[in-house]
PDB file of N, CA and C in Angstrom:
ATOM      1  N   UNK A   1       0.830  -0.999   0.052  1.00  0.00           N
ATOM      2  CA  UNK A   1       0.167  -0.002  -0.279  1.00  0.00           C
ATOM      3  C   UNK A   1       0.594   1.345  -0.091  1.00  0.00           C
ATOM      4  N   UNK A   2       0.527   2.124  -0.732  1.00  0.00           N
ATOM      5  CA  UNK A   2       1.457   3.424  -0.759  1.00  0.00           C
ATOM      6  C   UNK A   2       0.975   4.454   0.193  1.00  0.00           C
ATOM      7  N   UNK A   3       1.838   5.762   0.211  1.00  0.00           N
ATOM      8  CA  UNK A   3       1.495   6.514   0.762  1.00  0.00           C
ATOM      9  C   UNK A   3       0.030   7.235   1.130  1.00  0.00           C
ATOM     10  N   UNK A   4      -0.480   7.322  -0.341  1.00  0.00           N
ATOM     11  CA  UNK A   4      -1.718   7.740  -0.752  1.00  0.00           C
ATOM     12  C   UNK A   4      -2.626   6.634  -0.560  1.00  0.00           C
ATOM     13  N   UNK A   5      -2.544   5.666  -0.631  1.00  0.00           N
ATOM     14  CA  UNK A   5      -3.573   4.433  -0.287  1.00  0.00           C
ATOM     15  C   UNK A   5      -3.563   4.568   1.285  1.00  0.00           C
ATOM     16  N   UNK A   6      -2.578   4.934   1.974  1.00  0.00           N
ATOM     17  CA  UNK A   6      -2.659   4.825   3.277  1.00  0.00           C
ATOM     18  C   UNK A   6      -3.624   6.298   3.975  1.00  0.00           C
ATOM     19  N   UNK A   7      -2.878   7.054   3.677  1.00  0.00           N
ATOM     20  CA  UNK A   7      -4.253   8.594   3.711  1.00  0.00           C
ATOM     21  C   UNK A   7      -5.352   8.835   3.262  1.00  0.00           C
ATOM     22  N   UNK A   8      -5.430   7.838   2.448  1.00  0.00           N
ATOM     23  CA  UNK A   8      -7.225   7.946   1.621  1.00  0.00           C
ATOM     24  C   UNK A   8      -7.698   6.572   2.746  1.00  0.00           C
ATOM     25  N   UNK A   9      -7.059   5.868   3.014  1.00  0.00           N
ATOM     26  CA  UNK A   9      -7.771   4.718   3.904  1.00  0.00           C
ATOM     27  C   UNK A   9      -8.129   5.517   5.347  1.00  0.00           C
ATOM     28  N   UNK A  10      -7.030   6.338   5.508  1.00  0.00           N
ATOM     29  CA  UNK A  10      -7.381   6.695   7.002  1.00  0.00           C
ATOM     30  C   UNK A  10      -8.659   7.921   6.839  1.00  0.00           C
ATOM     31  N   UNK A  11      -8.831   8.789   5.787  1.00  0.00           N
ATOM     32  CA  UNK A  11      -9.743   9.519   5.335  1.00  0.00           C
ATOM     33  C   UNK A  11     -11.196   9.024   5.281  1.00  0.00           C
ATOM     34  N   UNK A  12     -11.485   7.816   4.750  1.00  0.00           N
ATOM     35  CA  UNK A  12     -12.492   6.429   4.276  1.00  0.00           C
ATOM     36  C   UNK A  12     -12.598   6.189   5.560  1.00  0.00           C
ATOM     37  N   UNK A  13     -11.586   5.596   6.835  1.00  0.00           N
ATOM     38  CA  UNK A  13     -12.156   5.358   7.984  1.00  0.00           C
ATOM     39  C   UNK A  13     -12.624   5.706   8.965  1.00  0.00           C
ATOM     40  N   UNK A  14     -12.318   7.451   9.072  1.00  0.00           N
ATOM     41  CA  UNK A  14     -13.116   8.342   9.536  1.00  0.00           C
ATOM     42  C   UNK A  14     -14.470   8.289   9.157  1.00  0.00           C
ATOM     43  N   UNK A  15     -14.671   8.102   8.013  1.00  0.00           N
ATOM     44  CA  UNK A  15     -15.908   8.060   7.285  1.00  0.00           C
ATOM     45  C   UNK A  15     -16.973   7.288   7.637  1.00  0.00           C
ATOM     46  N   UNK A  16     -15.953   6.075   7.607  1.00  0.00           N
ATOM     47  CA  UNK A  16     -16.707   4.496   7.906  1.00  0.00           C
ATOM     48  C   UNK A  16     -17.402   4.642   9.217  1.00  0.00           C
ATOM     49  N   UNK A  17     -15.834   5.145  10.478  1.00  0.00           N
ATOM     50  CA  UNK A  17     -16.664   4.848  11.658  1.00  0.00           C
ATOM     51  C   UNK A  17     -17.957   5.536  11.991  1.00  0.00           C
ATOM     52  N   UNK A  18     -18.192   6.808  11.271  1.00  0.00           N
ATOM     53  CA  UNK A  18     -19.476   7.659  11.466  1.00  0.00           C
ATOM     54  C   UNK A  18     -20.429   7.202  11.321  1.00  0.00           C
ATOM     55  N   UNK A  19     -20.031   6.179  10.109  1.00  0.00           N
ATOM     56  CA  UNK A  19     -21.079   5.315   9.439  1.00  0.00           C
ATOM     57  C   UNK A  19     -21.428   4.618  10.191  1.00  0.00           C
ATOM     58  N   UNK A  20     -20.463   3.934  10.529  1.00  0.00           N
ATOM     59  CA  UNK A  20     -21.242   2.639  11.649  1.00  0.00           C
ATOM     60  C   UNK A  20     -21.635   3.376  12.974  1.00  0.00           C
ATOM     61  N   UNK A  21     -21.273   4.225  13.501  1.00  0.00           N
ATOM     62  CA  UNK A  21     -21.925   4.844  14.732  1.00  0.00           C
ATOM     63  C   UNK A  21     -23.440   4.964  14.057  1.00  0.00           C
ATOM     64  N   UNK A  22     -23.760   5.588  12.890  1.00  0.00           N
ATOM     65  CA  UNK A  22     -25.273   5.917  12.810  1.00  0.00           C
ATOM     66  C   UNK A  22     -26.057   4.745  12.144  1.00  0.00           C
ATOM     67  N   UNK A  23     -25.365   3.617  11.907  1.00  0.00           N
ATOM     68  CA  UNK A  23     -26.195   2.460  11.465  1.00  0.00           C
ATOM     69  C   UNK A  23     -26.623   1.219  12.754  1.00  0.00           C
ATOM     70  N   UNK A  24     -26.091   1.669  14.104  1.00  0.00           N
ATOM     71  CA  UNK A  24     -26.017   1.089  15.020  1.00  0.00           C
ATOM     72  C   UNK A  24     -27.338   1.507  15.771  1.00  0.00           C
ATOM     73  N   UNK A  25     -28.175   1.162  16.475  1.00  0.00           N
ATOM     74  CA  UNK A  25     -29.568   1.816  17.164  1.00  0.00           C
ATOM     75  C   UNK A  25     -28.565   1.971  18.077  1.00  0.00           C
ATOM     76  N   UNK A  26     -29.119   3.060  18.834  1.00  0.00           N
ATOM     77  CA  UNK A  26     -29.390   3.788  20.349  1.00  0.00           C
ATOM     78  C   UNK A  26     -27.949   4.138  20.185  1.00  0.00           C
ATOM     79  N   UNK A  27     -27.799   4.563  21.574  1.00  0.00           N
ATOM     80  CA  UNK A  27     -26.502   5.389  22.454  1.00  0.00           C
ATOM     81  C   UNK A  27     -25.632   4.244  21.906  1.00  0.00           C
ATOM     82  N   UNK A  28     -24.431   4.947  21.847  1.00  0.00           N
ATOM     83  CA  UNK A  28     -23.330   4.152  22.464  1.00  0.00           C
ATOM     84  C   UNK A  28     -22.142   5.066  23.111  1.00  0.00           C
ATOM     85  N   UNK A  29     -21.665   4.550  24.440  1.00  0.00           N
ATOM     86  CA  UNK A  29     -20.404   4.813  25.491  1.00  0.00           C
ATOM     87  C   UNK A  29     -19.255   4.821  24.419  1.00  0.00           C
ATOM     88  N   UNK A  30     -19.271   5.747  23.436  1.00  0.00           N
ATOM     89  CA  UNK A  30     -17.721   5.824  23.022  1.00  0.00           C
ATOM     90  C   UNK A  30     -17.476   7.045  22.490  1.00  0.00           C
ATOM     91  N   UNK A  31     -16.465   7.998  22.568  1.00  0.00           N
ATOM     92  CA  UNK A  31     -16.382   8.918  21.799  1.00  0.00           C
ATOM     93  C   UNK A  31     -16.021   8.951  20.783  1.00  0.00           C
ATOM     94  N   UNK A  32     -16.606  10.419  19.855  1.00  0.00           N
ATOM     95  CA  UNK A  32     -16.475  10.354  18.335  1.00  0.00           C
ATOM     96  C   UNK A  32     -14.708  10.102  18.185  1.00  0.00           C
ATOM     97  N   UNK A  33     -14.099  10.455  18.841  1.00  0.00           N
ATOM     98  CA  UNK A  33     -12.302  10.212  18.417  1.00  0.00           C
ATOM     99  C   UNK A  33     -12.418   8.479  18.463  1.00  0.00           C
ATOM    100  N   UNK A  34     -12.387   7.563  19.659  1.00  0.00           N
ATOM    101  CA  UNK A  34     -12.345   6.486  19.465  1.00  0.00           C
ATOM    102  C   UNK A  34     -13.391   6.042  18.126  1.00  0.00           C
ATOM    103  N   UNK A  35     -14.699   6.330  17.654  1.00  0.00           N
ATOM    104  CA  UNK A  35     -15.440   6.192  16.636  1.00  0.00           C
ATOM    105  C   UNK A  35     -14.426   5.958  15.592  1.00  0.00           C
ATOM    106  N   UNK A  36     -13.916   7.310  15.146  1.00  0.00           N
ATOM    107  CA  UNK A  36     -12.794   7.388  14.332  1.00  0.00           C
ATOM    108  C   UNK A  36     -11.572   6.513  13.948  1.00  0.00           C
ATOM    109  N   UNK A  37     -11.338   6.196  15.144  1.00  0.00           N
ATOM    110  CA  UNK A  37      -9.999   5.595  15.281  1.00  0.00           C
ATOM    111  C   UNK A  37     -10.579   4.214  15.048  1.00  0.00           C
ATOM    112  N   UNK A  38     -11.806   3.536  14.896  1.00  0.00           N
ATOM    113  CA  UNK A  38     -12.330   2.156  15.045  1.00  0.00           C
ATOM    114  C   UNK A  38     -12.487   2.009  13.479  1.00  0.00           C
ATOM    115  N   UNK A  39     -13.207   2.992  13.344  1.00  0.00           N
ATOM    116  CA  UNK A  39     -13.165   3.319  11.892  1.00  0.00           C
ATOM    117  C   UNK A  39     -11.647   3.637  10.523  1.00  0.00           C
ATOM    118  N   UNK A  40     -10.966   3.561  11.385  1.00  0.00           N
ATOM    119  CA  UNK A  40      -9.315   3.533  10.462  1.00  0.00           C
ATOM    120  C   UNK A  40      -9.157   1.878  10.832  1.00  0.00           C
ATOM    121  N   UNK A  41      -9.102   1.436  11.730  1.00  0.00           N
ATOM    122  CA  UNK A  41      -8.691   0.024  11.594  1.00  0.00           C
ATOM    123  C   UNK A  41      -9.665  -0.740  10.921  1.00  0.00           C
ATOM    124  N   UNK A  42     -10.949  -0.714  11.182  1.00  0.00           N
ATOM    125  CA  UNK A  42     -11.956  -1.065  10.359  1.00  0.00           C
ATOM    126  C   UNK A  42     -11.691  -0.928   8.835  1.00  0.00           C
ATOM    127  N   UNK A  43     -11.538   0.170   8.242  1.00  0.00           N
ATOM    128  CA  UNK A  43     -11.084   0.108   7.176  1.00  0.00           C
ATOM    129  C   UNK A  43     -10.054  -0.341   6.164  1.00  0.00           C
ATOM    130  N   UNK A  44      -8.740  -0.749   7.283  1.00  0.00           N
ATOM    131  CA  UNK A  44      -7.179  -1.604   6.835  1.00  0.00           C
ATOM    132  C   UNK A  44      -8.309  -2.955   6.863  1.00  0.00           C
ATOM    133  N   UNK A  45      -9.226  -3.570   7.925  1.00  0.00           N
ATOM    134  CA  UNK A  45      -9.484  -5.000   8.149  1.00  0.00           C
ATOM    135  C   UNK A  45     -10.209  -5.259   7.328  1.00  0.00           C
ATOM    136  N   UNK A  46     -11.250  -4.175   6.667  1.00  0.00           N
ATOM    137  CA  UNK A  46     -12.409  -4.504   5.618  1.00  0.00           C
ATOM    138  C   UNK A  46     -11.569  -4.373   4.555  1.00  0.00           C
ATOM    139  N   UNK A  47     -10.700  -3.933   4.237  1.00  0.00           N
ATOM    140  CA  UNK A  47     -10.097  -3.976   2.841  1.00  0.00           C
ATOM    141  C   UNK A  47      -8.978  -5.370   2.838  1.00  0.00           C
ATOM    142  N   UNK A  48      -8.509  -5.753   3.536  1.00  0.00           N
ATOM    143  CA  UNK A  48      -7.838  -7.246   3.578  1.00  0.00           C
ATOM    144  C   UNK A  48      -8.693  -8.768   3.674  1.00  0.00           C
ATOM    145  N   UNK A  49      -9.960  -7.971   4.323  1.00  0.00           N
ATOM    146  CA  UNK A  49     -11.118  -9.219   3.809  1.00  0.00           C
ATOM    147  C   UNK A  49     -11.471  -9.113   2.251  1.00  0.00           C
ATOM    148  N   UNK A  50     -11.524  -7.721   1.778  1.00  0.00           N
ATOM    149  CA  UNK A  50     -12.148  -7.909   0.427  1.00  0.00           C
ATOM    150  C   UNK A  50     -10.981  -8.595  -0.358  1.00  0.00           C
ATOM    151  N   UNK A  51      -9.776  -8.229  -0.101  1.00  0.00           N
ATOM    152  CA  UNK A  51      -8.774  -8.927  -0.955  1.00  0.00           C
ATOM    153  C   UNK A  51      -8.904 -10.319  -0.678  1.00  0.00           C
ATOM    154  N   UNK A  52      -8.830 -10.886   0.743  1.00  0.00           N
ATOM    155  CA  UNK A  52      -8.710 -12.226   1.010  1.00  0.00           C
ATOM    156  C   UNK A  52     -10.463 -13.005  -0.177  1.00  0.00           C
ATOM    157  N   UNK A  53     -11.140 -12.513  -0.087  1.00  0.00           N
ATOM    158  CA  UNK A  53     -12.592 -13.181  -0.989  1.00  0.00           C
ATOM    159  C   UNK A  53     -12.326 -12.718  -2.539  1.00  0.00           C
ATOM    160  N   UNK A  54     -11.603 -11.450  -2.256  1.00  0.00           N
ATOM    161  CA  UNK A  54     -11.304 -11.445  -4.131  1.00  0.00           C
ATOM    162  C   UNK A  54     -12.021 -10.653  -5.081  1.00  0.00           C
ATOM    163  N   UNK A  55     -12.480  -9.326  -3.798  1.00  0.00           N
ATOM    164  CA  UNK A  55     -13.291  -8.880  -4.345  1.00  0.00           C
ATOM    165  C   UNK A  55     -12.842  -6.882  -4.029  1.00  0.00           C
ATOM    166  N   UNK A  56     -11.744  -6.999  -4.031  1.00  0.00           N
ATOM    167  CA  UNK A  56     -11.270  -5.699  -3.688  1.00  0.00           C
ATOM    168  C   UNK A  56     -10.657  -4.760  -5.543  1.00  0.00           C
ATOM    169  N   UNK A  57     -10.775  -5.814  -6.221  1.00  0.00           N
ATOM    170  CA  UNK A  57     -10.654  -4.876  -7.677  1.00  0.00           C
ATOM    171  C   UNK A  57     -11.431  -4.931  -8.150  1.00  0.00           C
ATOM    172  N   UNK A  58     -12.606  -3.713  -8.257  1.00  0.00           N
ATOM    173  CA  UNK A  58     -13.891  -3.994  -9.327  1.00  0.00           C
ATOM    174  C   UNK A  58     -14.073  -2.939  -9.782  1.00  0.00           C
ATOM    175  N   UNK A  59     -14.950  -2.737 -11.330  1.00  0.00           N
ATOM    176  CA  UNK A  59     -14.632  -1.536 -11.999  1.00  0.00           C
ATOM    177  C   UNK A  59     -15.610  -0.348 -10.742  1.00  0.00           C
ATOM    178  N   UNK A  60     -15.005   1.157 -10.937  1.00  0.00           N
ATOM    179  CA  UNK A  60     -15.687   1.711 -10.262  1.00  0.00           C
ATOM    180  C   UNK A  60     -15.807   1.958  -8.540  1.00  0.00           C
ATOM    181  N   UNK A  61     -17.039   2.083  -8.405  1.00  0.00           N
ATOM    182  CA  UNK A  61     -16.969   2.078  -6.483  1.00  0.00           C
ATOM    183  C   UNK A  61     -16.944   0.810  -6.051  1.00  0.00           C
ATOM    184  N   UNK A  62     -16.095   0.198  -5.543  1.00  0.00           N
ATOM    185  CA  UNK A  62     -15.785  -0.719  -4.266  1.00  0.00           C
ATOM    186  C   UNK A  62     -17.113  -0.983  -3.481  1.00  0.00           C
ATOM    187  N   UNK A  63     -18.211  -1.263  -3.757  1.00  0.00           N
ATOM    188  CA  UNK A  63     -19.123  -1.404  -2.847  1.00  0.00           C
ATOM    189  C   UNK A  63     -19.269  -2.439  -2.206  1.00  0.00           C
ATOM    190  N   UNK A  64     -18.777  -3.614  -2.410  1.00  0.00           N
ATOM    191  CA  UNK A  64     -19.116  -4.773  -1.335  1.00  0.00           C
ATOM    192  C   UNK A  64     -17.542  -4.247  -0.298  1.00  0.00           C
ATOM    193  N   UNK A  65     -16.417  -3.843  -0.813  1.00  0.00           N
ATOM    194  CA  UNK A  65     -15.833  -3.415  -0.091  1.00  0.00           C
ATOM    195  C   UNK A  65     -15.741  -2.371   1.303  1.00  0.00           C
ATOM    196  N   UNK A  66     -16.783  -1.508   0.747  1.00  0.00           N
ATOM    197  CA  UNK A  66     -17.264  -0.527   1.951  1.00  0.00           C
ATOM    198  C   UNK A  66     -17.812  -1.018   2.586  1.00  0.00           C
ATOM    199  N   UNK A  67     -19.253  -2.116   2.225  1.00  0.00           N
ATOM    200  CA  UNK A  67     -20.036  -2.563   3.179  1.00  0.00           C
ATOM    201  C   UNK A  67     -19.434  -3.437   4.086  1.00  0.00           C
ATOM    202  N   UNK A  68     -18.065  -3.768   3.409  1.00  0.00           N
ATOM    203  CA  UNK A  68     -17.314  -4.910   4.480  1.00  0.00           C
ATOM    204  C   UNK A  68     -16.810  -3.690   5.891  1.00  0.00           C
ATOM    205  N   UNK A  69     -16.185  -3.210   5.051  1.00  0.00           N
ATOM    206  CA  UNK A  69     -15.655  -1.930   5.775  1.00  0.00           C
ATOM    207  C   UNK A  69     -16.508  -1.229   7.404  1.00  0.00           C
ATOM    208  N   UNK A  70     -17.888  -0.972   6.573  1.00  0.00           N
ATOM    209  CA  UNK A  70     -18.802  -0.802   7.641  1.00  0.00           C
ATOM    210  C   UNK A  70     -19.327  -1.327   8.305  1.00  0.00           C
ATOM    211  N   UNK A  71     -19.774  -3.015   8.579  1.00  0.00           N
ATOM    212  CA  UNK A  71     -20.016  -3.984   8.884  1.00  0.00           C
ATOM    213  C   UNK A  71     -18.779  -4.098   9.863  1.00  0.00           C
ATOM    214  N   UNK A  72     -17.840  -4.313   9.666  1.00  0.00           N
ATOM    215  CA  UNK A  72     -16.469  -4.419  10.646  1.00  0.00           C
ATOM    216  C   UNK A  72     -16.237  -3.275  11.339  1.00  0.00           C
ATOM    217  N   UNK A  73     -16.399  -1.975  11.104  1.00  0.00           N
ATOM    218  CA  UNK A  73     -16.623  -0.597  12.010  1.00  0.00           C
ATOM    219  C   UNK A  73     -17.770  -1.182  12.701  1.00  0.00           C
ATOM    220  N   UNK A  74     -19.046  -1.287  12.420  1.00  0.00           N
ATOM    221  CA  UNK A  74     -20.249  -1.292  13.392  1.00  0.00           C
ATOM    222  C   UNK A  74     -19.941  -2.439  14.457  1.00  0.00           C
ATOM    223  N   UNK A  75     -18.883  -3.396  14.343  1.00  0.00           N
ATOM    224  CA  UNK A  75     -18.799  -4.545  14.787  1.00  0.00           C
ATOM    225  C   UNK A  75     -17.501  -4.016  16.270  1.00  0.00           C
ATOM    226  N   UNK A  76     -16.417  -2.987  15.752  1.00  0.00           N
ATOM    227  CA  UNK A  76     -15.429  -2.967  16.831  1.00  0.00           C
ATOM    228  C   UNK A  76     -16.512  -1.597  17.227  1.00  0.00           C
ATOM    229  N   UNK A  77     -17.453  -1.090  16.699  1.00  0.00           N
ATOM    230  CA  UNK A  77     -18.096   0.128  17.521  1.00  0.00           C
ATOM    231  C   UNK A  77     -18.830  -0.473  18.873  1.00  0.00           C
ATOM    232  N   UNK A  78     -19.429  -1.574  18.480  1.00  0.00           N
ATOM    233  CA  UNK A  78     -20.537  -2.349  19.331  1.00  0.00           C
ATOM    234  C   UNK A  78     -19.282  -2.844  20.280  1.00  0.00           C
ATOM    235  N   UNK A  79     -18.018  -3.327  20.043  1.00  0.00           N
ATOM    236  CA  UNK A  79     -17.490  -4.303  20.674  1.00  0.00           C
ATOM    237  C   UNK A  79     -16.483  -3.387  22.105  1.00  0.00           C
ATOM    238  N   UNK A  80     -16.330  -2.100  21.513  1.00  0.00           N
ATOM    239  CA  UNK A  80     -15.360  -0.909  22.292  1.00  0.00           C
ATOM    240  C   UNK A  80     -16.564  -0.210  23.040  1.00  0.00           C
ATOM    241  N   UNK A  81     -18.103  -0.137  22.638  1.00  0.00           N
ATOM    242  CA  UNK A  81     -18.645   0.960  23.515  1.00  0.00           C
ATOM    243  C   UNK A  81     -19.508  -0.235  24.667  1.00  0.00           C
ATOM    244  N   UNK A  82     -19.247  -1.396  24.222  1.00  0.00           N
ATOM    245  CA  UNK A  82     -19.852  -2.185  25.422  1.00  0.00           C
ATOM    246  C   UNK A  82     -18.248  -2.524  26.630  1.00  0.00           C
ATOM    247  N   UNK A  83     -17.267  -2.356  26.116  1.00  0.00           N
ATOM    248  CA  UNK A  83     -16.151  -2.536  26.980  1.00  0.00           C
ATOM    249  C   UNK A  83     -15.648  -1.230  27.926  1.00  0.00           C
ATOM    250  N   UNK A  84     -16.516   0.006  27.277  1.00  0.00           N
ATOM    251  CA  UNK A  84     -16.188   1.131  27.786  1.00  0.00           C
ATOM    252  C   UNK A  84     -17.392   1.443  28.954  1.00  0.00           C
ATOM    253  N   UNK A  85     -18.465   0.944  28.530  1.00  0.00           N
ATOM    254  CA  UNK A  85     -20.026   0.949  29.382  1.00  0.00           C
ATOM    255  C   UNK A  85     -19.490  -0.163  30.635  1.00  0.00           C
ATOM    256  N   UNK A  86     -18.738  -1.320  30.343  1.00  0.00           N
ATOM    257  CA  UNK A  86     -18.588  -2.329  31.600  1.00  0.00           C
ATOM    258  C   UNK A  86     -17.523  -1.269  32.639  1.00  0.00           C
ATOM    259  N   UNK A  87     -16.876  -0.211  32.102  1.00  0.00           N
ATOM    260  CA  UNK A  87     -15.409   0.090  33.291  1.00  0.00           C
ATOM    261  C   UNK A  87     -16.407   0.802  34.096  1.00  0.00           C
ATOM    262  N   UNK A  88     -17.012   1.749  33.836  1.00  0.00           N
ATOM    263  CA  UNK A  88     -18.264   2.626  34.543  1.00  0.00           C
ATOM    264  C   UNK A  88     -19.187   1.746  35.664  1.00  0.00           C
TER     265      UNK A  88
END
């Protein structure tokens, strides 16, 4: 992955983290900064999953890869939110 790919993954990851939070019902006990970090990590994991199943290079917009990233981010936000909720 080149530098421009990493930078775009960070930007897309931030957006994906926010989208994942919007998809989840109810309120999450997680800060927006932590949501963005989870989204960035989910963007990398979702891309790796897309490569593993062979849907990373599709013409135009990679909808399957984006959906995978949002699902991974939603799971990540749920896990982090539940862990942070248990500490209080």
